[in-house]
C-alpha cells in the first residue's frame, strides 16, 4: 500500500515538473539554470516510475 502512495506522489511531482518545463519554454527570458534543474528532476522521476513498473508489473 505504501508503494502505491509513493507512486502517486512521484507521479504528481512528475506532472508538476512536466508543466513547469513547458511554461519555461513559453517565457521570453529563459533561465537555463532552473530549466536544467527541472529537467534533471523530471528525468529522475521518470526513472523512479519506470523502476516501479519493472518491479511490480513484470
Protein backbone atom coordinates (compact mmCIF):
# COMPACT_ATOMS: atom_id res chain seq x y z
CA UNK A 1 0.00 0.00 0.00
CA UNK A 2 2.80 2.43 0.80
CA UNK A 3 4.32 1.75 -2.63
CA UNK A 4 1.09 2.88 -4.29
CA UNK A 5 1.14 6.11 -2.27
CA UNK A 6 4.79 6.64 -3.19
CA UNK A 7 3.98 6.08 -6.87
CA UNK A 8 1.08 8.54 -6.67
CA UNK A 9 3.29 11.23 -5.09
CA UNK A 10 6.05 10.67 -7.65
CA UNK A 11 3.51 10.92 -10.49
CA UNK A 12 2.14 14.19 -9.10
CA UNK A 13 5.65 15.65 -8.89
CA UNK A 14 6.37 14.44 -12.42
CA UNK A 15 3.24 16.11 -13.79
CA UNK A 16 4.15 19.34 -11.99
CA UNK A 17 7.70 19.28 -13.39
CA UNK A 18 6.45 18.50 -16.90
CA UNK A 19 4.18 21.54 -16.93
CA UNK A 20 6.90 23.64 -15.31
CA UNK A 21 9.27 22.78 -18.18
CA UNK A 22 6.56 23.66 -20.71
CA UNK A 23 5.96 27.01 -19.00
CA UNK A 24 9.71 27.71 -19.03
CA UNK A 25 9.70 27.28 -22.84
CA UNK A 26 6.94 29.89 -23.13
CA UNK A 27 8.92 32.54 -21.24
CA UNK A 28 10.75 35.07 -23.41
CA UNK A 29 13.65 35.20 -20.92
CA UNK A 30 14.60 31.62 -20.07
CA UNK A 31 16.65 30.72 -17.01
CA UNK A 32 18.89 27.88 -18.15
CA UNK A 33 19.93 27.04 -14.58
CA UNK A 34 16.38 26.39 -13.36
CA UNK A 35 15.45 24.74 -16.63
CA UNK A 36 18.31 22.25 -16.34
CA UNK A 37 17.48 21.53 -12.67
CA UNK A 38 13.82 20.87 -13.58
CA UNK A 39 14.79 18.60 -16.46
CA UNK A 40 17.15 16.60 -14.22
CA UNK A 41 14.45 16.14 -11.58
CA UNK A 42 11.93 15.22 -14.30
CA UNK A 43 14.32 12.58 -15.63
CA UNK A 44 14.80 11.20 -12.11
CA UNK A 45 11.05 10.98 -11.53
CA UNK A 46 10.52 9.18 -14.84
CA UNK A 47 13.23 6.68 -13.87
CA UNK A 48 11.53 6.09 -10.49
CA UNK A 49 8.22 5.41 -12.24
CA UNK A 50 9.96 3.05 -14.66
CA UNK A 51 11.60 1.23 -11.73
CA UNK A 52 8.23 0.84 -10.02
CA UNK A 53 6.61 -0.68 -13.10
CA UNK A 54 9.53 -3.04 -13.70
CA UNK A 55 9.46 -4.19 -10.07
CA UNK A 56 5.71 -4.65 -9.60
CA UNK A 57 4.19 -5.19 -13.03
CA UNK A 58 6.66 -7.68 -14.55
